[in-house]
N, C-alpha and C. Protein backbone atom coordinates (compact mmCIF):
# COMPACT_ATOMS: atom_id res chain seq x y z
N MET A 1 113.14 107.49 109.32
CA MET A 1 113.79 106.87 110.27
C MET A 1 113.42 105.50 111.18
N GLY A 2 112.03 105.36 111.29
CA GLY A 2 111.41 104.72 112.10
C GLY A 2 111.41 103.02 111.07
N LEU A 3 111.31 103.39 109.96
CA LEU A 3 111.61 102.39 108.95
C LEU A 3 112.95 101.48 109.50
N LEU A 4 114.29 102.51 109.09
CA LEU A 4 115.42 102.07 108.96
C LEU A 4 115.61 101.14 110.85
N ASN A 5 115.11 101.72 111.69
CA ASN A 5 115.27 101.04 113.04
C ASN A 5 114.39 99.68 112.96
N VAL A 6 113.15 99.27 111.95
CA VAL A 6 112.64 98.02 112.24
C VAL A 6 113.90 97.26 111.40
N GLU A 7 114.16 97.66 110.48
CA GLU A 7 115.50 96.78 109.53
C GLU A 7 116.22 96.19 110.82
N MET A 8 117.36 97.38 111.27
CA MET A 8 118.12 97.04 112.35
C MET A 8 117.71 96.40 113.07
N ILE A 9 116.51 96.22 113.95
CA ILE A 9 116.47 95.52 114.40
C ILE A 9 116.17 93.83 113.81
N LEU A 10 115.41 93.72 112.70
CA LEU A 10 115.23 92.42 112.37
C LEU A 10 116.36 91.83 111.99
N ARG A 11 117.18 92.74 111.41
CA ARG A 11 118.77 92.24 111.04
C ARG A 11 119.54 91.48 112.22
N SER A 12 119.29 92.39 113.45
CA SER A 12 120.33 91.57 114.81
C SER A 12 119.93 90.95 115.16
N LEU A 13 118.25 90.49 114.66
CA LEU A 13 117.30 89.56 115.47
C LEU A 13 117.64 88.10 114.27
N ASN A 14 118.03 88.51 113.50
CA ASN A 14 118.38 87.57 111.82
C ASN A 14 117.17 87.03 112.04
N LEU A 15 116.29 87.20 112.40
CA LEU A 15 114.48 86.68 111.83
C LEU A 15 114.26 86.39 110.33
N GLN A 16 115.04 87.55 109.36
CA GLN A 16 114.36 87.34 108.14
C GLN A 16 115.72 87.75 107.00
N PRO A 17 116.06 86.99 105.96
CA PRO A 17 117.08 87.76 105.57
C PRO A 17 117.03 89.35 104.79
N LYS A 18 117.83 89.81 104.44
CA LYS A 18 117.94 91.37 104.15
C LYS A 18 117.23 91.17 103.25
N SER A 19 117.03 90.85 101.90
CA SER A 19 116.25 91.07 100.66
C SER A 19 114.79 90.88 101.19
N VAL A 20 114.43 90.02 102.26
CA VAL A 20 113.12 90.06 102.31
C VAL A 20 112.64 91.44 103.32
N VAL A 21 113.67 91.67 104.34
CA VAL A 21 113.68 92.83 105.10
C VAL A 21 113.28 94.46 103.96
N GLU A 22 114.47 94.23 103.09
CA GLU A 22 114.19 95.56 101.69
C GLU A 22 112.98 95.14 101.01
N GLU A 23 112.24 94.03 100.87
CA GLU A 23 111.26 94.04 99.98
C GLU A 23 110.32 94.46 100.84
N LYS A 24 110.27 94.39 101.93
CA LYS A 24 109.14 95.17 103.02
C LYS A 24 109.04 96.54 102.69
N LEU A 25 110.40 96.78 103.44
CA LEU A 25 110.88 98.30 103.05
C LEU A 25 110.08 99.23 102.01
N ARG A 26 110.26 98.56 101.12
CA ARG A 26 109.79 99.12 99.85
C ARG A 26 108.21 99.00 99.84
N GLU A 27 107.59 97.70 100.37
CA GLU A 27 106.51 97.84 99.90
C GLU A 27 105.80 98.82 100.88
N LEU A 28 106.56 99.23 102.13
CA LEU A 28 105.70 99.74 103.17
C LEU A 28 106.11 101.63 102.18
N GLU A 29 107.01 101.74 101.66
CA GLU A 29 107.60 102.76 101.34
C GLU A 29 106.04 103.43 99.81
N THR A 30 105.68 102.08 98.84
CA THR A 30 104.93 102.59 98.50
C THR A 30 103.76 102.48 98.89
N GLY A 31 103.22 102.23 99.97
CA GLY A 31 102.15 102.07 100.57
C GLY A 31 101.98 104.08 100.75
N LYS A 32 103.20 104.76 101.50
CA LYS A 32 102.96 105.84 101.89
C LYS A 32 103.16 106.75 101.00
N ASN A 33 103.84 106.26 100.05
CA ASN A 33 103.54 107.60 98.89
C ASN A 33 102.29 107.61 98.20
N ASN A 34 101.39 106.29 98.02
CA ASN A 34 99.93 105.97 98.15
C ASN A 34 99.43 107.02 98.74
N ILE A 35 99.43 106.55 99.99
CA ILE A 35 98.84 107.18 101.11
C ILE A 35 98.62 109.52 101.04
N ASP A 36 100.01 109.30 100.70
CA ASP A 36 100.60 110.52 100.18
C ASP A 36 99.96 111.11 99.12
N HIS A 37 100.02 110.44 98.08
CA HIS A 37 99.19 110.78 96.87
C HIS A 37 97.79 111.36 97.28
N ARG A 38 96.85 110.20 97.16
CA ARG A 38 95.55 110.30 97.64
C ARG A 38 95.39 111.45 98.76
N TYR A 39 96.00 112.12 99.94
CA TYR A 39 95.74 112.92 100.53
C TYR A 39 95.94 113.92 99.76
N SER A 40 96.60 113.97 99.07
CA SER A 40 97.35 115.53 98.44
C SER A 40 95.72 115.54 96.95
N GLN A 41 95.06 115.21 96.62
CA GLN A 41 94.20 114.50 95.84
C GLN A 41 92.64 114.77 96.49
N ALA A 42 92.76 114.80 98.01
CA ALA A 42 91.72 114.78 99.03
C ALA A 42 91.65 116.14 99.42
N MET A 43 92.99 116.72 99.47
CA MET A 43 93.24 118.13 99.79
C MET A 43 92.88 119.41 99.16
N LYS A 44 93.45 119.18 97.40
CA LYS A 44 92.30 119.72 96.22
C LYS A 44 91.35 119.48 96.04
N GLU A 45 91.12 118.34 96.59
CA GLU A 45 89.39 118.09 95.87
C GLU A 45 88.02 119.26 97.09
N SER A 46 88.55 118.96 98.44
CA SER A 46 88.11 119.54 99.20
C SER A 46 88.34 121.28 98.92
N GLU A 47 89.38 121.78 98.50
CA GLU A 47 89.24 123.02 98.43
C GLU A 47 88.72 123.68 96.91
N ARG A 48 88.49 122.40 95.67
CA ARG A 48 87.71 122.81 95.26
C ARG A 48 86.40 122.89 95.46
N LEU A 49 85.48 122.39 96.47
CA LEU A 49 83.92 121.74 96.80
C LEU A 49 84.00 123.15 97.60
N LEU A 50 85.01 123.12 98.78
CA LEU A 50 84.78 124.95 99.33
C LEU A 50 84.54 126.14 98.66
N LYS A 51 85.59 126.10 97.43
CA LYS A 51 85.63 127.32 96.29
C LYS A 51 84.18 127.28 95.99
N ILE A 52 83.70 126.29 95.41
CA ILE A 52 82.33 126.25 95.19
C ILE A 52 81.38 126.59 96.69
N PHE A 53 81.30 126.10 97.01
CA PHE A 53 80.42 126.42 98.20
C PHE A 53 80.43 128.15 98.74
N GLU A 54 81.93 128.59 98.42
CA GLU A 54 81.56 130.10 98.78
C GLU A 54 81.57 130.93 98.01
N ASP A 55 81.69 130.31 96.58
CA ASP A 55 80.63 130.78 95.34
C ASP A 55 79.54 131.35 95.51
N ASN A 56 78.83 130.68 96.01
CA ASN A 56 77.09 130.13 95.75
C ASN A 56 76.56 130.61 97.17
N ILE A 57 77.36 131.19 98.30
CA ILE A 57 76.70 131.73 99.24
C ILE A 57 76.72 133.11 99.00
């Protein structure tokens, strides 16, 4: 929702063409997806390490 607000503001100010705004929004979404994936991977790894730790106590 926040990204849509940014797009609406930029359009209303006519600062950038719609295609540029759309490309930037795609880049932001890709970055968010990459962060989400890395977070998920880190959580899996922390769970794996915690299990190893607990098994060795």
